[in-house]
C-alpha atoms as a PDB file:
ATOM      1  CA  MET A   1    -120.249 -77.944 151.787  1.00  0.00           C
ATOM      2  CA  PRO A   2    -122.545 -78.608 154.800  1.00  0.00           C
ATOM      3  CA  GLY A   3    -125.887 -76.980 155.190  1.00  0.00           C
ATOM      4  CA  LEU A   4    -129.543 -77.464 155.816  1.00  0.00           C
ATOM      5  CA  ILE A   5    -130.802 -77.750 152.244  1.00  0.00           C
ATOM      6  CA  GLY A   6    -134.314 -77.917 150.798  1.00  0.00           C
ATOM      7  CA  ARG A   7    -135.700 -78.269 147.309  1.00  0.00           C
ATOM      8  CA  ASP A   8    -137.538 -74.998 147.933  1.00  0.00           C
ATOM      9  CA  PRO A   9    -137.595 -72.397 150.759  1.00  0.00           C
ATOM     10  CA  LYS A  10    -140.600 -74.004 152.463  1.00  0.00           C
ATOM     11  CA  GLU A  11    -138.889 -77.384 152.677  1.00  0.00           C
ATOM     12  CA  ALA A  12    -135.730 -75.872 154.194  1.00  0.00           C
ATOM     13  CA  PHE A  13    -137.715 -73.892 156.787  1.00  0.00           C
ATOM     14  CA  ASP A  14    -139.935 -76.885 157.605  1.00  0.00           C
ATOM     15  CA  LEU A  15    -136.934 -79.181 158.120  1.00  0.00           C
ATOM     16  CA  LEU A  16    -135.564 -76.958 160.874  1.00  0.00           C
ATOM     17  CA  ARG A  17    -138.932 -76.176 162.480  1.00  0.00           C
ATOM     18  CA  ASN A  18    -139.931 -79.841 162.539  1.00  0.00           C
ATOM     19  CA  HIS A  19    -136.567 -80.908 163.948  1.00  0.00           C
ATOM     20  CA  LEU A  20    -136.719 -78.336 166.751  1.00  0.00           C
ATOM     21  CA  ALA A  21    -140.390 -79.076 167.496  1.00  0.00           C
ATOM     22  CA  VAL A  22    -139.713 -82.801 167.929  1.00  0.00           C
ATOM     23  CA  LEU A  23    -136.724 -82.063 170.160  1.00  0.00           C
ATOM     24  CA  LEU A  24    -138.525 -79.518 172.353  1.00  0.00           C
ATOM     25  CA  ASN A  25    -141.724 -81.580 172.609  1.00  0.00           C
ATOM     26  CA  GLY A  26    -139.695 -84.678 173.436  1.00  0.00           C
ATOM     27  CA  THR A  27    -137.745 -83.026 176.242  1.00  0.00           C
ATOM     28  CA  ILE A  28    -139.223 -79.971 177.991  1.00  0.00           C
ATOM     29  CA  THR A  29    -142.479 -78.540 176.578  1.00  0.00           C
ATOM     30  CA  ASP A  30    -145.784 -79.477 174.975  1.00  0.00           C
ATOM     31  CA  ALA A  31    -146.080 -76.093 173.243  1.00  0.00           C
ATOM     32  CA  ARG A  32    -146.406 -75.965 169.469  1.00  0.00           C
ATOM     33  CA  LEU A  33    -143.496 -74.330 167.640  1.00  0.00           C
ATOM     34  CA  SER A  34    -144.699 -72.119 164.780  1.00  0.00           C
ATOM     35  CA  LEU A  35    -143.138 -71.065 161.505  1.00  0.00           C
ATOM     36  CA  ILE A  36    -144.107 -67.693 160.049  1.00  0.00           C
ATOM     37  CA  HIS A  37    -142.911 -66.544 156.628  1.00  0.00           C
ATOM     38  CA  LEU A  38    -141.742 -62.916 156.625  1.00  0.00           C
ATOM     39  CA  ARG A  39    -141.989 -60.437 153.725  1.00  0.00           C
ATOM     40  CA  ASN A  40    -141.123 -62.926 151.020  1.00  0.00           C
ATOM     41  CA  GLU A  41    -140.357 -66.620 150.565  1.00  0.00           C
ATOM     42  CA  GLU A  42    -136.700 -66.187 151.518  1.00  0.00           C
ATOM     43  CA  ARG A  43    -137.269 -65.216 155.184  1.00  0.00           C
ATOM     44  CA  ALA A  44    -139.088 -66.912 158.058  1.00  0.00           C
ATOM     45  CA  GLN A  45    -139.302 -66.880 161.844  1.00  0.00           C
ATOM     46  CA  ILE A  46    -139.643 -69.770 164.273  1.00  0.00           C
ATOM     47  CA  SER A  47    -141.235 -69.104 167.671  1.00  0.00           C
ATOM     48  CA  PHE A  48    -143.922 -70.236 170.073  1.00  0.00           C
ATOM     49  CA  ARG A  49    -147.105 -68.296 169.294  1.00  0.00           C
ATOM     50  CA  GLN A  50    -150.520 -67.633 170.698  1.00  0.00           C
ATOM     51  CA  GLY A  51    -152.526 -66.381 167.752  1.00  0.00           C
ATOM     52  CA  GLN A  52    -150.410 -63.722 166.075  1.00  0.00           C
ATOM     53  CA  ILE A  53    -148.281 -62.997 169.154  1.00  0.00           C
ATOM     54  CA  SER A  54    -144.951 -64.615 170.016  1.00  0.00           C
ATOM     55  CA  ILE A  55    -144.920 -65.970 173.563  1.00  0.00           C
ATOM     56  CA  ALA A  56    -142.707 -67.789 176.008  1.00  0.00           C
ATOM     57  CA  ALA A  57    -144.003 -71.351 176.397  1.00  0.00           C
ATOM     58  CA  PRO A  58    -144.326 -73.204 179.703  1.00  0.00           C
ATOM     59  CA  VAL A  59    -141.667 -75.824 180.306  1.00  0.00           C
ATOM     60  CA  PHE A  60    -142.691 -79.250 181.549  1.00  0.00           C
ATOM     61  CA  ALA A  61    -143.343 -79.695 185.272  1.00  0.00           C
ATOM     62  CA  ASN A  62    -141.893 -76.342 186.286  1.00  0.00           C
ATOM     63  CA  ASP A  63    -142.986 -72.741 186.769  1.00  0.00           C
ATOM     64  CA  LEU A  64    -140.683 -71.337 184.082  1.00  0.00           C
ATOM     65  CA  TYR A  65    -141.218 -70.278 180.484  1.00  0.00           C
ATOM     66  CA  LEU A  66    -138.992 -70.495 177.417  1.00  0.00           C
ATOM     67  CA  TYR A  67    -139.024 -68.130 174.458  1.00  0.00           C
ATOM     68  CA  ILE A  68    -137.382 -69.122 171.209  1.00  0.00           C
ATOM     69  CA  GLY A  69    -137.142 -66.729 168.299  1.00  0.00           C
ATOM     70  CA  GLN A  70    -135.071 -67.639 165.267  1.00  0.00           C
ATOM     71  CA  ASN A  71    -135.014 -65.471 162.165  1.00  0.00           C
ATOM     72  CA  LEU A  72    -134.018 -67.511 159.141  1.00  0.00           C
ATOM     73  CA  ARG A  73    -133.015 -66.864 155.553  1.00  0.00           C
ATOM     74  CA  VAL A  74    -132.560 -69.126 152.589  1.00  0.00           C
ATOM     75  CA  THR A  75    -130.391 -68.542 149.551  1.00  0.00           C
ATOM     76  CA  ARG A  76    -130.651 -70.310 146.240  1.00  0.00           C
ATOM     77  CA  GLN A  77    -127.655 -72.488 145.421  1.00  0.00           C
ATOM     78  CA  LEU A  78    -126.140 -73.234 142.005  1.00  0.00           C
ATOM     79  CA  ASP A  79    -127.758 -76.695 142.040  1.00  0.00           C
ATOM     80  CA  ARG A  80    -131.199 -74.980 142.434  1.00  0.00           C
ATOM     81  CA  THR A  81    -131.594 -76.052 146.069  1.00  0.00           C
ATOM     82  CA  TRP A  82    -132.153 -73.614 148.939  1.00  0.00           C
ATOM     83  CA  LYS A  83    -129.704 -73.357 151.855  1.00  0.00           C
ATOM     84  CA  LEU A  84    -130.973 -72.193 155.238  1.00  0.00           C
ATOM     85  CA  ARG A  85    -129.110 -70.145 157.822  1.00  0.00           C
ATOM     86  CA  THR A  86    -129.990 -68.445 161.077  1.00  0.00           C
ATOM     87  CA  VAL A  87    -129.430 -64.691 160.901  1.00  0.00           C
ATOM     88  CA  GLU A  88    -130.769 -63.909 164.370  1.00  0.00           C
ATOM     89  CA  TYR A  89    -131.791 -65.813 167.478  1.00  0.00           C
ATOM     90  CA  ARG A  90    -133.188 -64.900 170.866  1.00  0.00           C
ATOM     91  CA  TYR A  91    -133.683 -67.407 173.672  1.00  0.00           C
ATOM     92  CA  ARG A  92    -135.231 -66.335 176.985  1.00  0.00           C
ATOM     93  CA  VAL A  93    -135.859 -68.193 180.236  1.00  0.00           C
ATOM     94  CA  GLN A  94    -138.313 -66.331 182.435  1.00  0.00           C
ATOM     95  CA  GLY A  95    -141.062 -66.596 185.057  1.00  0.00           C
ATOM     96  CA  THR A  96    -144.041 -65.480 182.919  1.00  0.00           C
ATOM     97  CA  PRO A  97    -145.307 -66.145 179.379  1.00  0.00           C
ATOM     98  CA  GLY A  98    -145.257 -62.472 178.307  1.00  0.00           C
ATOM     99  CA  LEU A  99    -142.257 -61.100 176.448  1.00  0.00           C
ATOM    100  CA  GLU A 100    -142.514 -57.839 178.379  1.00  0.00           C
ATOM    101  CA  ASP A 101    -141.048 -59.692 181.396  1.00  0.00           C
ATOM    102  CA  ASP A 102    -137.638 -58.094 182.005  1.00  0.00           C
ATOM    103  CA  ASP A 103    -136.687 -60.613 184.691  1.00  0.00           C
ATOM    104  CA  CYS A 104    -135.109 -63.189 182.434  1.00  0.00           C
ATOM    105  CA  LEU A 105    -131.958 -64.807 181.131  1.00  0.00           C
ATOM    106  CA  ARG A 106    -131.404 -63.904 177.458  1.00  0.00           C
ATOM    107  CA  TRP A 107    -129.083 -65.380 174.849  1.00  0.00           C
ATOM    108  CA  GLU A 108    -128.962 -63.487 171.563  1.00  0.00           C
ATOM    109  CA  TYR A 109    -127.237 -63.470 168.216  1.00  0.00           C
ATOM    110  CA  VAL A 110    -127.535 -60.920 165.423  1.00  0.00           C
ATOM    111  CA  ALA A 111    -125.717 -61.366 162.103  1.00  0.00           C
ATOM    112  CA  ARG A 112    -123.873 -58.286 160.867  1.00  0.00           C
ATOM    113  CA  GLU A 113    -126.040 -58.233 157.750  1.00  0.00           C
ATOM    114  CA  ILE A 114    -129.048 -57.595 160.020  1.00  0.00           C
ATOM    115  CA  ARG A 115    -127.442 -55.055 162.346  1.00  0.00           C
ATOM    116  CA  ASP A 116    -123.806 -54.059 162.275  1.00  0.00           C
ATOM    117  CA  THR A 117    -123.009 -53.119 165.868  1.00  0.00           C
ATOM    118  CA  LYS A 118    -119.826 -52.930 167.855  1.00  0.00           C
ATOM    119  CA  HIS A 119    -120.997 -55.295 170.607  1.00  0.00           C
ATOM    120  CA  CYS A 120    -120.526 -59.076 170.496  1.00  0.00           C
ATOM    121  CA  ARG A 121    -122.787 -60.754 167.943  1.00  0.00           C
ATOM    122  CA  HIS A 122    -123.270 -63.768 170.253  1.00  0.00           C
ATOM    123  CA  HIS A 123    -124.082 -62.478 173.714  1.00  0.00           C
ATOM    124  CA  PHE A 124    -125.911 -62.986 176.993  1.00  0.00           C
ATOM    125  CA  HIS A 125    -128.002 -60.636 179.175  1.00  0.00           C
ATOM    126  CA  LEU A 126    -129.336 -60.970 182.690  1.00  0.00           C
ATOM    127  CA  GLU A 127    -130.959 -58.685 185.219  1.00  0.00           C
ATOM    128  CA  GLY A 128    -129.148 -57.051 188.096  1.00  0.00           C
ATOM    129  CA  GLU A 129    -125.928 -55.209 188.670  1.00  0.00           C
ATOM    130  CA  TYR A 130    -122.352 -56.254 189.142  1.00  0.00           C
ATOM    131  CA  THR A 131    -119.821 -54.219 191.061  1.00  0.00           C
ATOM    132  CA  LEU A 132    -116.449 -54.333 189.346  1.00  0.00           C
ATOM    133  CA  GLY A 133    -113.663 -52.844 191.383  1.00  0.00           C
ATOM    134  CA  PRO A 134    -114.341 -50.419 194.194  1.00  0.00           C
ATOM    135  CA  ARG A 135    -116.717 -48.040 192.364  1.00  0.00           C
ATOM    136  CA  ARG A 136    -117.793 -49.305 188.964  1.00  0.00           C
ATOM    137  CA  VAL A 137    -121.359 -50.671 188.888  1.00  0.00           C
ATOM    138  CA  ILE A 138    -122.287 -52.453 185.655  1.00  0.00           C
ATOM    139  CA  PRO A 139    -126.014 -52.787 184.847  1.00  0.00           C
ATOM    140  CA  LEU A 140    -126.009 -56.332 183.444  1.00  0.00           C
ATOM    141  CA  HIS A 141    -129.221 -55.948 181.408  1.00  0.00           C
ATOM    142  CA  GLU A 142    -127.506 -53.243 179.331  1.00  0.00           C
ATOM    143  CA  VAL A 143    -124.228 -55.004 178.544  1.00  0.00           C
ATOM    144  CA  HIS A 144    -123.600 -57.709 175.953  1.00  0.00           C
ATOM    145  CA  LEU A 145    -121.643 -60.461 177.701  1.00  0.00           C
ATOM    146  CA  PRO A 146    -119.811 -62.581 175.074  1.00  0.00           C
ATOM    147  CA  SER A 147    -121.190 -66.102 174.880  1.00  0.00           C
ATOM    148  CA  GLY A 148    -120.276 -67.781 171.613  1.00  0.00           C
ATOM    149  CA  TRP A 149    -122.846 -69.675 169.545  1.00  0.00           C
ATOM    150  CA  VAL A 150    -125.626 -71.130 171.742  1.00  0.00           C
ATOM    151  CA  THR A 151    -127.803 -73.975 170.470  1.00  0.00           C
ATOM    152  CA  ILE A 152    -131.297 -75.008 171.515  1.00  0.00           C
ATOM    153  CA  GLU A 153    -129.763 -78.241 172.782  1.00  0.00           C
ATOM    154  CA  GLU A 154    -127.556 -76.287 175.201  1.00  0.00           C
ATOM    155  CA  ILE A 155    -130.528 -74.265 176.459  1.00  0.00           C
ATOM    156  CA  ILE A 156    -132.476 -77.492 177.097  1.00  0.00           C
ATOM    157  CA  ARG A 157    -129.446 -79.058 178.828  1.00  0.00           C
ATOM    158  CA  PHE A 158    -129.066 -75.920 180.997  1.00  0.00           C
ATOM    159  CA  LEU A 159    -132.751 -75.987 181.992  1.00  0.00           C
ATOM    160  CA  ILE A 160    -132.616 -79.654 182.988  1.00  0.00           C
ATOM    161  CA  THR A 161    -129.213 -79.818 184.694  1.00  0.00           C
ATOM    162  CA  GLU A 162    -128.879 -76.352 186.217  1.00  0.00           C
ATOM    163  CA  VAL A 163    -132.404 -75.017 186.716  1.00  0.00           C
ATOM    164  CA  GLY A 164    -134.172 -78.226 187.711  1.00  0.00           C
ATOM    165  CA  VAL A 165    -136.676 -78.563 184.878  1.00  0.00           C
ATOM    166  CA  ARG A 166    -137.931 -82.144 184.887  1.00  0.00           C
ATOM    167  CA  PRO A 167    -137.464 -83.710 181.441  1.00  0.00           C
ATOM    168  CA  LYS A 168    -140.454 -85.320 179.754  1.00  0.00           C
ATOM    169  CA  ASP A 169    -138.395 -88.313 178.645  1.00  0.00           C
ATOM    170  CA  PRO A 170    -135.734 -90.098 180.722  1.00  0.00           C
ATOM    171  CA  ARG A 171    -133.719 -90.435 177.492  1.00  0.00           C
ATOM    172  CA  TRP A 172    -133.390 -86.642 177.247  1.00  0.00           C
ATOM    173  CA  GLU A 173    -129.578 -86.700 177.035  1.00  0.00           C
ATOM    174  CA  THR A 174    -129.670 -89.176 174.147  1.00  0.00           C
ATOM    175  CA  LEU A 175    -132.259 -87.005 172.371  1.00  0.00           C
ATOM    176  CA  LEU A 176    -130.012 -83.958 172.785  1.00  0.00           C
ATOM    177  CA  GLN A 177    -126.926 -85.818 171.537  1.00  0.00           C
ATOM    178  CA  GLU A 178    -128.802 -87.110 168.480  1.00  0.00           C
ATOM    179  CA  SER A 179    -130.046 -83.598 167.736  1.00  0.00           C
ATOM    180  CA  GLU A 180    -126.524 -82.210 168.106  1.00  0.00           C
ATOM    181  CA  GLU A 181    -125.315 -84.749 165.532  1.00  0.00           C
ATOM    182  CA  VAL A 182    -127.962 -83.483 163.087  1.00  0.00           C
ATOM    183  CA  PHE A 183    -126.900 -79.899 163.810  1.00  0.00           C
ATOM    184  CA  LYS A 184    -123.258 -80.875 163.199  1.00  0.00           C
ATOM    185  CA  ARG A 185    -124.161 -82.420 159.811  1.00  0.00           C
ATOM    186  CA  TRP A 186    -126.152 -79.336 158.805  1.00  0.00           C
ATOM    187  CA  THR A 187    -123.579 -76.768 159.887  1.00  0.00           C
ATOM    188  CA  GLY A 188    -120.221 -78.523 159.907  1.00  0.00           C
ATOM    189  CA  ARG A 189    -119.724 -77.130 163.459  1.00  0.00           C
ATOM    190  CA  ASP A 190    -118.710 -79.065 166.526  1.00  0.00           C
ATOM    191  CA  ILE A 191    -120.848 -78.363 169.544  1.00  0.00           C
END
């Protein structure tokens, strides 16, 4: 059975944080990715931080900021190892470092064990309105547009190819593909 496995919770959390930090620092940002343990040893959060506050980090050679928030859990396996899984993620691309900035693109996922809601677990938000039909105006920041699972690699690829963020390394596509292979081994999912 695939999975990101550690000999203890700290090792499992560190494996993911270190992997993501190398990827992000090799492609689009110099910001340090932090790991904070929550409540007990079985939960942690990965995000960019300034002191105790989560922030959106500047991306390389651009005027945009990226927020990454992943809430993680580990469960003890029969072989006494610890298996990691993401129970919630939030990715934001925005024009300022503060998380109060509503003018952003947001990708989110919330596992049903965290919050059982009727909307799509994997979804996307953006600002603005969309007129559907002759009279129906949909406020896009309030609806949960289905998106499917979104990886950090896809966010980086989007920033470079669609938004014009200049990559730090000309081998950025190779770095993303290598990271996707690691993700595939850990999760058993094709990207």
